[in-house]
Amino acid sequence: MTTASGNHPHPANPRHHDPPPVARLTIAPHTDTVRRIDGVWWPHSADLLTELPELLTALPFDWPRITHATVNGATWPALPAHILVAGHVVRLRRTTGRPGPDTLCLVSPGNGRWDLLIIPPDTPEPEAVRMMAEMARTGELTPA
């Protein structure tokens, strides 16, 4: 019996979806110095339910599983109590009373806490890129 090889059915109109945007994240270089901000994150939008899973998958491989995330700032709309990310639950919280810039606190119980400065999504690209480069180079942010 002979079979035709290479004849695979193809849909008439294959749909190609754009890949999701890549998380824009810079982690401060590792040092023994304790710092208040561990990195900067420049989300594409103020939709944390879309942005957070993207961010968590972009974290360094040696970071433990994040189970809690708290955003500080009025940019973020109301959030559910938790979200499922890559098969595990991440508890969410939003605060607005803390002074200072918008931040995201990521927690892994028994492993640590990491605080990321949030660059507002509508920040002009040159300014955001400068901030991210400064964090990558020095681990600190300097005024513009």
Protein backbone atom coordinates (compact mmCIF):
# COMPACT_ATOMS: atom_id res chain seq x y z
CA MET A 1 0.00 0.00 0.00
CA THR A 2 1.31 3.42 -0.92
CA THR A 3 0.63 6.57 1.09
CA ALA A 4 1.09 10.11 -0.04
CA SER A 5 3.70 11.92 1.98
CA GLY A 6 3.81 15.65 2.47
CA ASN A 7 0.08 16.09 1.92
CA HIS A 8 -0.98 17.71 5.15
CA PRO A 9 -4.26 19.60 5.30
CA HIS A 10 -3.84 23.33 5.90
CA PRO A 11 -6.61 25.68 6.90
CA ALA A 12 -7.74 27.95 4.07
CA ASN A 13 -7.08 31.10 6.13
CA PRO A 14 -4.51 30.38 8.82
CA ARG A 15 -4.56 33.02 11.52
CA HIS A 16 -1.30 34.19 12.90
CA HIS A 17 -1.59 35.98 16.20
CA ASP A 18 0.93 38.55 17.24
CA PRO A 19 3.05 37.33 20.13
CA PRO A 20 2.36 39.05 23.43
CA PRO A 21 4.60 42.01 24.19
CA VAL A 22 7.80 41.21 26.06
CA ALA A 23 7.96 42.38 29.66
CA ARG A 24 10.09 45.50 30.02
CA LEU A 25 12.00 44.78 33.20
CA THR A 26 15.44 45.61 34.58
CA ILE A 27 16.77 44.02 37.74
CA ALA A 28 19.50 45.80 39.72
CA PRO A 29 22.88 44.06 39.65
CA HIS A 30 23.37 41.64 42.53
CA THR A 31 25.47 43.06 45.37
CA ASP A 32 25.63 42.62 49.12
CA THR A 33 24.15 46.10 49.53
CA VAL A 34 20.55 46.21 50.72
CA ARG A 35 18.51 48.53 48.54
CA ARG A 36 14.99 49.87 48.65
CA ILE A 37 14.28 49.22 44.96
CA ASP A 38 15.38 45.93 43.37
CA GLY A 39 14.54 46.87 39.80
CA VAL A 40 12.25 48.78 37.47
CA TRP A 41 9.27 47.60 35.46
CA TRP A 42 7.71 49.46 32.54
CA PRO A 43 4.35 47.81 31.85
CA HIS A 44 2.63 48.24 28.49
CA SER A 45 -0.69 49.20 30.14
CA ALA A 46 -2.39 49.77 33.48
CA ASP A 47 -4.16 46.40 33.19
CA LEU A 48 -2.40 44.47 35.94
CA LEU A 49 -4.31 41.27 35.20
CA THR A 50 -2.72 41.21 31.74
CA GLU A 51 0.66 42.64 32.70
CA LEU A 52 1.46 40.66 35.87
CA PRO A 53 1.60 37.17 34.30
CA GLU A 54 3.93 38.56 31.62
CA LEU A 55 6.14 40.10 34.30
CA LEU A 56 6.29 36.99 36.47
CA THR A 57 7.38 34.82 33.55
CA ALA A 58 10.15 37.33 32.80
CA LEU A 59 11.67 37.22 36.30
CA PRO A 60 15.14 35.71 36.67
CA PHE A 61 15.17 31.90 36.86
CA ASP A 62 16.78 31.93 40.31
CA TRP A 63 13.90 33.89 41.85
CA PRO A 64 11.50 31.64 43.80
CA ARG A 65 7.81 31.35 42.99
CA ILE A 66 5.99 34.61 43.74
CA THR A 67 2.81 34.11 45.78
CA HIS A 68 1.85 37.71 46.65
CA ALA A 69 1.93 40.96 44.70
CA THR A 70 1.06 44.38 46.10
CA VAL A 71 0.89 47.44 43.87
CA ASN A 72 1.19 50.89 45.38
CA GLY A 73 -0.36 53.68 43.41
CA ALA A 74 -3.60 55.00 42.02
CA THR A 75 -2.80 53.95 38.44
CA TRP A 76 -4.21 50.49 38.94
CA PRO A 77 -7.96 49.82 38.92
CA ALA A 78 -9.60 47.56 41.51
CA LEU A 79 -8.14 44.06 41.56
CA PRO A 80 -9.51 40.62 42.37
CA ALA A 81 -8.13 38.96 45.50
CA HIS A 82 -6.01 36.56 43.45
CA ILE A 83 -5.02 35.53 39.93
CA LEU A 84 -3.83 32.24 38.46
CA VAL A 85 -0.37 32.58 36.86
CA ALA A 86 1.37 29.60 35.25
CA GLY A 87 -0.68 27.16 37.29
CA HIS A 88 -0.27 28.77 40.71
CA VAL A 89 -2.22 31.34 42.69
CA VAL A 90 -0.80 34.82 43.21
CA ARG A 91 -2.61 36.91 45.81
CA LEU A 92 -3.13 40.54 44.81
CA ARG A 93 -3.43 43.72 46.80
CA ARG A 94 -3.49 47.40 45.94
CA THR A 95 -2.58 50.26 48.25
CA THR A 96 -2.90 53.96 47.56
CA GLY A 97 -1.94 55.58 50.86
CA ARG A 98 1.83 55.16 50.76
CA PRO A 99 3.68 58.27 49.57
CA GLY A 100 6.27 58.03 46.85
CA PRO A 101 6.40 56.56 43.38
CA ASP A 102 4.29 53.65 42.19
CA THR A 103 5.86 50.35 43.17
CA LEU A 104 5.19 46.64 42.96
CA CYS A 105 6.12 44.42 45.89
CA LEU A 106 6.62 40.74 45.01
CA VAL A 107 6.75 38.25 47.87
CA SER A 108 7.78 34.63 48.14
CA PRO A 109 7.19 33.50 51.76
CA GLY A 110 10.33 32.12 53.34
CA ASN A 111 12.44 33.34 50.41
CA GLY A 112 12.19 37.09 50.22
CA ARG A 113 10.63 40.26 48.96
CA TRP A 114 11.50 42.30 45.89
CA ASP A 115 10.35 45.85 45.23
CA LEU A 116 10.12 47.15 41.70
CA LEU A 117 9.66 50.78 40.74
CA ILE A 118 6.88 51.03 38.17
CA ILE A 119 7.55 53.32 35.25
CA PRO A 120 4.09 54.54 34.15
CA PRO A 121 3.01 52.95 30.85
CA ASP A 122 2.66 56.34 29.14
CA THR A 123 6.22 57.45 29.97
CA PRO A 124 8.07 58.61 26.86
CA GLU A 125 10.37 55.86 25.61
CA PRO A 126 13.66 57.81 25.90
CA GLU A 127 12.98 58.58 29.58
CA ALA A 128 11.92 54.99 30.41
CA VAL A 129 14.90 53.50 28.59
CA ARG A 130 17.25 55.86 30.45
CA MET A 131 15.79 54.80 33.80
CA MET A 132 16.06 51.12 32.94
CA ALA A 133 19.63 51.48 31.72
CA GLU A 134 20.65 53.36 34.87
CA MET A 135 19.15 50.61 37.06
CA ALA A 136 20.96 47.92 35.06
CA ARG A 137 24.27 49.79 35.23
CA THR A 138 24.33 51.07 38.82
CA GLY A 139 21.42 49.51 40.68
CA GLU A 140 20.20 53.02 41.50
CA LEU A 141 18.04 55.64 39.84
CA THR A 142 19.25 59.19 39.48
CA PRO A 143 17.03 62.22 38.88
CA ALA A 144 16.56 63.25 35.26
